[in-house]
Amino acid sequence: MPQSPNCPHILFLFSDTGGGHRSAAEAIIEAIHLEYGGHISTDMVDIFKQYAPQPLSRVPELYPLFVRFPQAWGLGYRLSNGHHRARFISASAYPYVRHRIHALVNHHPSNLIVSVHPLANAPVLRALGKRRPPFIIMVTDLVTTHALWYHRGADLCLVPTDTAYQRALACGLKPSQLQVVGLPVAERFCQMKGNPLETRIRLGLPTDQPIILLVGGGEGMGPLEKTALSIEEARLPVTLVIITGRNKELKKRLDRHEWVIPTLVYGFVHEMPDFMQAADILITKAGPGTISEAFIAGLPMILYSRLPGQEDGNVTYVTAHGAGVWAPKPEKIVAALRYWLENPEQRYKASEAARRLARPQAARSVAHLLVAQLGVKSG
């Protein structure tokens, strides 16, 4: 929504480096528009692509390469994840990015700033100085949250889970700075109230077999191909729906394969809420956005991969609450599928557990909290 001189303006800081940063920001902006119409203007800035100096400006395009080495990612995550270490990293990097961060602040005057990326917090707050608009952090990692998320100078820090709340306290934030809101997701995921059978018909999916939805996030990450082939080899009585996201090479390989069980392969789709509503079981990596969307859909999950450090807690969160299982190898995925197919009552229990964890009003709750700081009444 473009900035207007006649209404308050909110600036969102994000970057396309995993963690659902963009989708969370877009969900909040959508909620602001739905709740307040044209009374608020908004803007989104990719802190790396638009304002980071070289070579940091290439981080978003290199991110898919980074996460192909999960053990190295996990090591870096753990070594940097401490309150004092996070402050040292931020202070050391600031001289290098200072001029670009000041440019960002000068180019985007606003009445309120929302950060949905941990690397934006310290440098932007430092560049803003004492005379600044309110600065609010929206944490987009569910459970295992990095210390860089938590800056004591923030006016408010919104977190998705109670565990993230406790982590914020451990990093020095005060209870008055914190609120548990859930993870914001797009409105289309929050309105999944139609008939699953009708949704299957609309999507052209079979209505006489369980639907297994296999996804790997927007980039189609994880062992999707091995998992799909293992399910095929087991000859389970299911229809397999595979979403490869932006991974075009993977889609080409899967399209060429001659499947012996009913299998449908899609690339990047905008109808993910419909696919979730139509499915019986979701097989996915442990990304925070997909997990939160599956909670709302009441979709039991088999988690097959996670980023060490960053997504470890997501696995524990899902499994401890009974909303899914951890199956990091194809044979374990097949075993979990077979168990749920043969024991549908256990699958239904997982579905109900997922619904209990859902926070479909998260985006609207965040919108209300943000706008309350601006003194704008809902339309």
Protein backbone atom coordinates (compact mmCIF):
# COMPACT_ATOMS: atom_id res chain seq x y z
CA MET A 1 0.00 0.00 0.00
CA PRO A 2 1.66 3.30 -1.05
CA GLN A 3 2.44 5.95 1.50
CA SER A 4 -0.08 8.76 1.88
CA PRO A 5 0.59 12.09 3.57
CA ASN A 6 -2.86 11.90 5.16
CA CYS A 7 -2.51 8.65 7.08
CA PRO A 8 0.02 7.01 9.41
CA HIS A 9 2.71 4.96 7.74
CA ILE A 10 4.18 1.62 8.87
CA LEU A 11 7.50 0.34 7.52
CA PHE A 12 8.16 -3.43 7.47
CA LEU A 13 11.74 -4.71 7.36
CA PHE A 14 12.21 -8.23 5.96
CA SER A 15 14.32 -10.36 3.67
CA ASP A 16 13.80 -13.54 1.67
CA THR A 17 16.17 -15.66 3.72
CA GLY A 18 13.91 -18.43 5.00
CA GLY A 19 11.89 -18.31 8.19
CA GLY A 20 8.79 -16.96 6.45
CA HIS A 21 9.85 -13.33 6.90
CA ARG A 22 8.13 -12.06 3.76
CA SER A 23 4.96 -14.08 4.27
CA ALA A 24 4.61 -12.88 7.88
CA ALA A 25 4.99 -9.25 6.84
CA GLU A 26 2.50 -9.69 3.99
CA ALA A 27 0.01 -11.38 6.33
CA ILE A 28 0.17 -8.48 8.79
CA ILE A 29 -0.18 -5.91 6.01
CA GLU A 30 -3.17 -7.81 4.65
CA ALA A 31 -4.74 -7.83 8.12
CA ILE A 32 -4.16 -4.09 8.51
CA HIS A 33 -5.92 -3.50 5.21
CA LEU A 34 -8.83 -5.77 6.16
CA GLU A 35 -9.25 -4.20 9.60
CA TYR A 36 -8.52 -0.55 8.83
CA GLY A 37 -9.04 -0.07 5.11
CA GLY A 38 -7.20 2.93 3.73
CA HIS A 39 -6.54 4.53 7.12
CA ILE A 40 -3.00 3.09 7.26
CA SER A 41 -0.28 3.04 4.60
CA THR A 42 2.48 0.44 4.56
CA ASP A 43 5.77 -0.32 2.87
CA MET A 44 8.09 -3.35 2.77
CA VAL A 45 11.87 -3.11 2.46
CA ASP A 46 14.19 -6.06 1.82
CA ILE A 47 17.09 -5.13 4.06
CA PHE A 48 19.60 -7.19 2.08
CA LYS A 49 18.56 -6.70 -1.55
CA GLN A 50 17.76 -3.01 -1.27
CA TYR A 51 20.19 -1.66 1.30
CA ALA A 52 23.00 -4.06 2.22
CA PRO A 53 26.46 -3.41 0.75
CA GLN A 54 28.13 -6.06 -1.39
CA PRO A 55 28.42 -8.99 -0.89
CA LEU A 56 25.64 -8.98 1.74
CA SER A 57 23.13 -7.83 -0.87
CA ARG A 58 23.39 -11.30 -2.45
CA VAL A 59 22.40 -13.17 0.71
CA PRO A 60 18.76 -13.79 -0.38
CA GLU A 61 19.80 -15.39 -3.67
CA LEU A 62 22.50 -17.46 -1.93
CA TYR A 63 20.27 -18.60 0.94
CA PRO A 64 19.06 -21.79 -0.85
CA LEU A 65 22.73 -22.73 -1.31
CA PHE A 66 23.54 -22.11 2.36
CA VAL A 67 20.84 -24.44 3.62
CA ARG A 68 22.07 -27.31 1.44
CA PHE A 69 24.74 -27.76 4.10
CA PRO A 70 22.58 -28.15 7.22
CA GLN A 71 25.34 -29.27 9.57
CA ALA A 72 27.41 -26.18 8.79
CA TRP A 73 24.27 -24.05 9.18
CA GLY A 74 23.55 -25.62 12.57
CA LEU A 75 27.12 -25.06 13.77
CA GLY A 76 27.01 -21.40 12.80
CA TYR A 77 23.61 -21.01 14.44
CA ARG A 78 24.77 -22.47 17.74
CA LEU A 79 28.09 -20.60 17.83
CA SER A 80 26.38 -17.24 17.32
CA ASN A 81 23.32 -17.86 19.48
CA GLY A 82 23.94 -16.11 22.78
CA HIS A 83 22.98 -12.68 24.09
CA HIS A 84 26.55 -11.39 24.42
CA ARG A 85 27.66 -13.04 21.18
CA ALA A 86 24.71 -11.51 19.33
CA ARG A 87 25.60 -8.05 20.63
CA PHE A 88 29.24 -8.56 19.58
CA ILE A 89 28.19 -9.64 16.06
CA SER A 90 25.89 -6.63 15.67
CA ALA A 91 28.49 -4.17 16.96
CA SER A 92 31.21 -5.61 14.72
CA ALA A 93 29.06 -5.45 11.60
CA TYR A 94 27.68 -1.96 12.17
CA PRO A 95 30.63 0.08 10.78
CA TYR A 96 30.37 -1.87 7.52
CA VAL A 97 26.62 -1.36 7.07
CA ARG A 98 26.21 2.02 8.82
CA HIS A 99 25.93 4.23 5.73
CA ARG A 100 23.44 1.93 4.02
CA ILE A 101 21.28 1.63 7.16
CA HIS A 102 21.20 5.42 7.53
CA ALA A 103 20.11 5.61 3.90
CA LEU A 104 17.30 3.15 4.60
CA VAL A 105 16.08 5.22 7.55
CA ASN A 106 16.25 8.48 5.58
CA HIS A 107 14.53 7.07 2.48
CA HIS A 108 11.62 5.58 4.42
CA PRO A 109 10.24 7.97 7.02
CA SER A 110 7.51 6.26 8.99
CA ASN A 111 5.33 6.49 12.07
CA LEU A 112 6.07 2.90 13.10
CA ILE A 113 8.71 0.32 12.14
CA VAL A 114 8.13 -3.44 12.26
CA SER A 115 11.06 -5.83 11.91
CA VAL A 116 10.34 -9.40 10.85
CA HIS A 117 14.02 -10.26 10.43
CA PRO A 118 16.53 -10.68 13.30
CA LEU A 119 19.41 -9.03 11.45
CA ALA A 120 17.48 -5.77 11.03
CA ASN A 121 16.95 -5.06 14.72
CA ALA A 122 20.26 -3.89 16.17
CA PRO A 123 21.60 -1.86 13.20
CA VAL A 124 18.33 -0.06 12.47
CA LEU A 125 17.71 0.80 16.12
CA ARG A 126 21.24 2.15 16.38
CA ALA A 127 20.86 4.23 13.23
CA LEU A 128 17.52 5.65 14.35
CA GLY A 129 18.92 7.04 17.59
CA LYS A 130 16.80 8.18 20.52
CA ARG A 131 14.31 10.33 18.61
CA ARG A 132 12.61 7.61 16.62
CA PRO A 133 9.20 6.11 15.91
CA PRO A 134 8.10 3.01 17.84
CA PHE A 135 10.08 -0.08 16.83
CA ILE A 136 8.31 -3.46 17.04
CA ILE A 137 9.80 -6.91 16.45
CA MET A 138 7.71 -9.80 15.10
CA VAL A 139 9.61 -13.04 15.73
CA THR A 140 8.95 -15.49 12.89
CA ASP A 141 10.79 -18.53 14.28
CA LEU A 142 8.45 -20.68 16.38
CA VAL A 143 10.49 -22.15 19.20
CA THR A 144 14.28 -22.27 18.81
CA THR A 145 14.69 -18.51 18.45
CA HIS A 146 18.09 -16.88 17.93
CA ALA A 147 19.31 -14.23 20.37
CA LEU A 148 19.55 -11.70 17.50
CA TRP A 149 15.75 -11.51 17.54
CA TYR A 150 15.70 -9.95 20.99
CA HIS A 151 16.85 -6.34 21.31
CA ARG A 152 16.24 -4.55 24.58
CA GLY A 153 15.65 -1.27 22.77
CA ALA A 154 12.51 -2.52 21.05
CA ASP A 155 9.23 -1.02 22.21
CA LEU A 156 7.44 -4.32 21.76
CA CYS A 157 8.48 -7.84 20.82
CA LEU A 158 5.73 -10.15 19.55
CA VAL A 159 6.46 -13.86 19.76
CA PRO A 160 4.65 -16.93 18.38
CA THR A 161 4.90 -19.35 21.35
CA ASP A 162 5.36 -19.46 25.10
CA THR A 163 8.81 -20.98 24.59
CA ALA A 164 9.85 -17.98 22.50
CA TYR A 165 8.52 -15.74 25.28
CA GLN A 166 10.75 -17.46 27.84
CA ARG A 167 13.71 -17.17 25.48
CA ALA A 168 13.10 -13.41 25.21
CA LEU A 169 13.11 -13.07 28.99
CA ALA A 170 16.40 -14.96 29.13
CA CYS A 171 17.84 -12.48 26.62
CA GLY A 172 17.00 -9.55 28.86
CA LEU A 173 13.63 -8.31 27.62
CA LYS A 174 11.01 -7.31 30.17
CA PRO A 175 7.52 -8.86 30.37
CA SER A 176 6.08 -5.43 29.52
CA GLN A 177 7.91 -5.60 26.16
CA LEU A 178 6.52 -9.02 25.24
CA GLN A 179 3.30 -10.56 24.00
CA VAL A 180 2.53 -14.05 22.65
CA VAL A 181 0.45 -13.70 19.47
CA GLY A 182 1.16 -16.76 17.31
CA LEU A 183 2.68 -16.61 13.84
CA PRO A 184 0.84 -14.41 11.29
CA VAL A 185 -0.32 -16.28 8.19
CA ALA A 186 -2.30 -15.10 5.17
CA GLU A 187 -6.05 -14.68 5.50
CA ARG A 188 -6.73 -17.38 2.90
CA PHE A 189 -5.32 -19.98 5.33
CA CYS A 190 -7.59 -18.72 8.09
CA GLN A 191 -10.81 -19.13 6.09
CA MET A 192 -10.58 -22.87 5.33
CA LYS A 193 -14.17 -23.76 6.22
CA GLY A 194 -15.43 -25.36 3.02
CA ASN A 195 -16.19 -28.99 2.30
CA PRO A 196 -12.99 -31.06 1.75
CA LEU A 197 -14.80 -33.25 -0.78
CA GLU A 198 -15.86 -30.24 -2.84
CA THR A 199 -12.32 -28.89 -2.61
CA ARG A 200 -10.92 -32.14 -3.98
CA ILE A 201 -13.33 -32.03 -6.90
CA ARG A 202 -12.42 -28.42 -7.64
CA LEU A 203 -8.69 -29.28 -7.63
CA GLY A 204 -9.22 -32.37 -9.78
CA LEU A 205 -8.11 -34.74 -7.02
CA PRO A 206 -9.49 -38.25 -6.44
CA THR A 207 -12.25 -38.60 -3.86
CA ASP A 208 -11.90 -42.32 -3.13
CA GLN A 209 -8.42 -42.44 -1.54
CA PRO A 210 -6.50 -40.66 1.22
CA ILE A 211 -4.57 -37.67 -0.11
CA ILE A 212 -0.95 -37.36 1.01
CA LEU A 213 0.45 -33.86 0.54
CA LEU A 214 4.26 -33.75 0.20
CA VAL A 215 5.86 -30.29 0.30
CA GLY A 216 9.27 -28.74 0.86
CA GLY A 217 8.53 -25.06 1.30
CA GLY A 218 8.66 -22.45 -1.44
CA GLU A 219 12.10 -23.65 -2.58
CA GLY A 220 11.17 -27.36 -2.68
CA MET A 221 13.89 -28.24 -0.19
CA GLY A 222 14.58 -31.53 1.55
CA PRO A 223 14.53 -35.13 0.27
CA LEU A 224 11.25 -34.76 -1.62
CA GLU A 225 12.26 -37.08 -4.43
CA LYS A 226 13.54 -39.89 -2.21
CA THR A 227 10.46 -39.63 -0.03
CA ALA A 228 8.08 -39.78 -2.99
CA LEU A 229 9.84 -42.79 -4.49
CA SER A 230 9.77 -44.61 -1.15
CA ILE A 231 6.03 -44.05 -0.83
CA GLU A 232 5.58 -45.34 -4.36
CA GLU A 233 7.71 -48.42 -3.65
CA ALA A 234 5.57 -49.23 -0.58
CA ARG A 235 2.47 -49.32 -2.82
CA LEU A 236 0.39 -47.57 -0.19
CA PRO A 237 -3.30 -47.09 -1.11
CA VAL A 238 -3.06 -43.31 -1.40
CA THR A 239 -2.94 -40.49 -3.90
CA LEU A 240 0.34 -38.57 -3.61
CA VAL A 241 0.30 -34.83 -4.28
CA ILE A 242 3.79 -33.30 -4.53
CA ILE A 243 4.40 -29.53 -4.43
CA THR A 244 7.92 -28.75 -5.63
CA GLY A 245 7.71 -24.97 -5.21
CA ARG A 246 10.31 -23.05 -7.19
CA ASN A 247 12.48 -26.14 -7.65
CA LYS A 248 11.97 -26.48 -11.40
CA GLU A 249 14.58 -29.18 -11.91
CA LEU A 250 12.91 -31.39 -9.32
CA LYS A 251 9.54 -30.92 -10.97
CA LYS A 252 10.98 -31.94 -14.34
CA ARG A 253 12.44 -35.14 -12.90
CA LEU A 254 9.22 -36.05 -11.11
CA ASP A 255 7.15 -35.30 -14.20
CA ARG A 256 9.31 -37.68 -16.25
CA HIS A 257 8.94 -40.51 -13.75
CA GLU A 258 6.36 -43.20 -14.56
CA TRP A 259 4.44 -43.49 -11.31
CA VAL A 260 2.80 -46.75 -10.30
CA ILE A 261 0.57 -45.11 -7.70
CA PRO A 262 -1.71 -42.11 -8.36
CA THR A 263 0.63 -39.12 -8.23
CA LEU A 264 0.17 -35.45 -9.11
CA VAL A 265 3.13 -33.07 -9.31
CA TYR A 266 2.81 -29.29 -9.06
CA GLY A 267 5.33 -26.48 -9.02
CA PHE A 268 4.76 -23.28 -7.07
CA VAL A 269 1.07 -22.98 -6.25
CA HIS A 270 -1.17 -20.23 -4.87
CA GLU A 271 -3.88 -22.69 -3.81
CA MET A 272 -1.96 -24.18 -0.88
CA PRO A 273 -4.89 -23.59 1.52
CA ASP A 274 -7.09 -25.68 -0.77
CA PHE A 275 -4.49 -28.45 -1.02
CA MET A 276 -4.21 -28.50 2.77
CA GLN A 277 -7.96 -28.67 3.16
CA ALA A 278 -8.19 -31.50 0.65
CA ALA A 279 -5.35 -33.55 2.17
CA ASP A 280 -5.47 -36.16 4.93
CA ILE A 281 -1.79 -36.08 5.90
CA LEU A 282 0.98 -33.52 5.33
CA ILE A 283 4.63 -34.52 4.86
CA THR A 284 6.85 -31.45 5.19
CA LYS A 285 10.08 -29.94 6.42
CA ALA A 286 9.76 -28.26 9.80
CA GLY A 287 9.36 -24.69 8.56
CA PRO A 288 7.43 -22.36 10.88
CA GLY A 289 5.01 -21.03 8.27
CA THR A 290 3.93 -24.41 6.90
CA ILE A 291 3.52 -25.79 10.42
CA SER A 292 1.35 -22.85 11.47
CA GLU A 293 -0.79 -23.19 8.35
CA ALA A 294 -1.19 -26.92 8.96
CA PHE A 295 -2.34 -26.24 12.53
CA ILE A 296 -5.16 -24.07 11.21
CA ALA A 297 -6.13 -26.75 8.68
CA GLY A 298 -6.08 -29.42 11.39
CA LEU A 299 -3.69 -31.38 9.20
CA PRO A 300 -1.58 -34.07 10.93
CA MET A 301 2.08 -33.80 10.00
CA ILE A 302 5.02 -36.05 9.29
CA LEU A 303 8.16 -33.90 9.59
CA TYR A 304 11.05 -35.24 7.52
CA SER A 305 13.75 -32.57 7.80
CA ARG A 306 14.68 -29.42 9.70
CA LEU A 307 17.44 -26.84 9.77
CA PRO A 308 19.67 -27.76 12.72
CA GLY A 309 19.43 -25.19 15.49
CA GLN A 310 16.81 -22.97 13.93
CA GLU A 311 14.08 -25.58 13.44
CA ASP A 312 14.96 -28.18 16.08
CA GLY A 313 12.38 -26.76 18.44
CA ASN A 314 9.67 -26.86 15.79
CA VAL A 315 9.97 -30.66 15.66
CA THR A 316 9.74 -30.95 19.43
CA TYR A 317 6.78 -28.56 19.55
CA VAL A 318 4.76 -30.54 17.00
CA THR A 319 5.56 -33.98 18.37
CA ALA A 320 5.24 -33.09 22.07
CA HIS A 321 1.72 -31.78 21.46
CA GLY A 322 0.73 -34.84 19.44
CA ALA A 323 0.12 -32.95 16.20
CA GLY A 324 2.64 -34.97 14.20
CA VAL A 325 5.65 -37.26 14.15
CA TRP A 326 9.35 -36.92 13.33
CA ALA A 327 10.47 -39.25 10.53
CA PRO A 328 13.85 -38.14 9.12
CA LYS A 329 14.31 -41.12 6.80
CA PRO A 330 12.10 -42.32 3.93
CA GLU A 331 11.50 -45.72 5.57
CA LYS A 332 10.33 -43.98 8.75
CA ILE A 333 7.96 -41.81 6.71
CA VAL A 334 6.47 -44.88 5.08
CA ALA A 335 6.07 -46.56 8.47
CA ALA A 336 4.33 -43.48 9.91
CA LEU A 337 2.03 -43.28 6.90
CA ARG A 338 1.15 -46.94 7.12
CA TYR A 339 0.37 -46.62 10.84
CA TRP A 340 -1.95 -43.64 10.33
CA LEU A 341 -3.68 -45.30 7.38
CA GLU A 342 -4.28 -48.48 9.38
CA ASN A 343 -5.24 -46.56 12.54
CA PRO A 344 -7.31 -43.60 11.39
CA GLU A 345 -8.40 -42.82 14.95
CA GLN A 346 -4.78 -41.93 15.76
CA ARG A 347 -4.67 -39.67 12.74
CA TYR A 348 -7.81 -37.91 13.92
CA LYS A 349 -6.24 -37.37 17.34
CA ALA A 350 -3.25 -35.70 15.67
CA SER A 351 -5.64 -33.57 13.64
CA GLU A 352 -7.42 -32.36 16.77
CA ALA A 353 -4.09 -31.67 18.46
CA ALA A 354 -3.07 -29.52 15.50
CA ARG A 355 -6.29 -27.51 15.73
CA ARG A 356 -5.68 -26.84 19.41
CA LEU A 357 -2.34 -25.24 18.53
CA ALA A 358 -3.78 -23.06 15.78
CA ARG A 359 -3.82 -19.26 16.07
CA PRO A 360 -5.81 -18.16 13.01
CA GLN A 361 -6.27 -14.63 14.41
CA ALA A 362 -2.54 -13.96 14.80
CA ALA A 363 -2.20 -11.53 11.89
CA ARG A 364 -5.25 -9.50 12.94
CA SER A 365 -4.07 -9.48 16.56
CA VAL A 366 -0.71 -8.07 15.43
CA ALA A 367 -2.48 -5.50 13.24
CA HIS A 368 -4.49 -4.27 16.25
CA LEU A 369 -1.37 -4.03 18.41
CA LEU A 370 0.50 -2.05 15.77
CA VAL A 371 -2.31 0.34 14.99
CA ALA A 372 -3.07 0.90 18.68
CA GLN A 373 0.33 2.62 18.87
CA LEU A 374 -0.79 4.99 16.13
CA GLY A 375 -4.11 5.92 17.74
CA VAL A 376 -6.16 4.92 14.69
CA LYS A 377 -9.65 3.54 15.16
CA SER A 378 -10.91 0.62 13.05
CA GLY A 379 -13.14 1.47 10.11
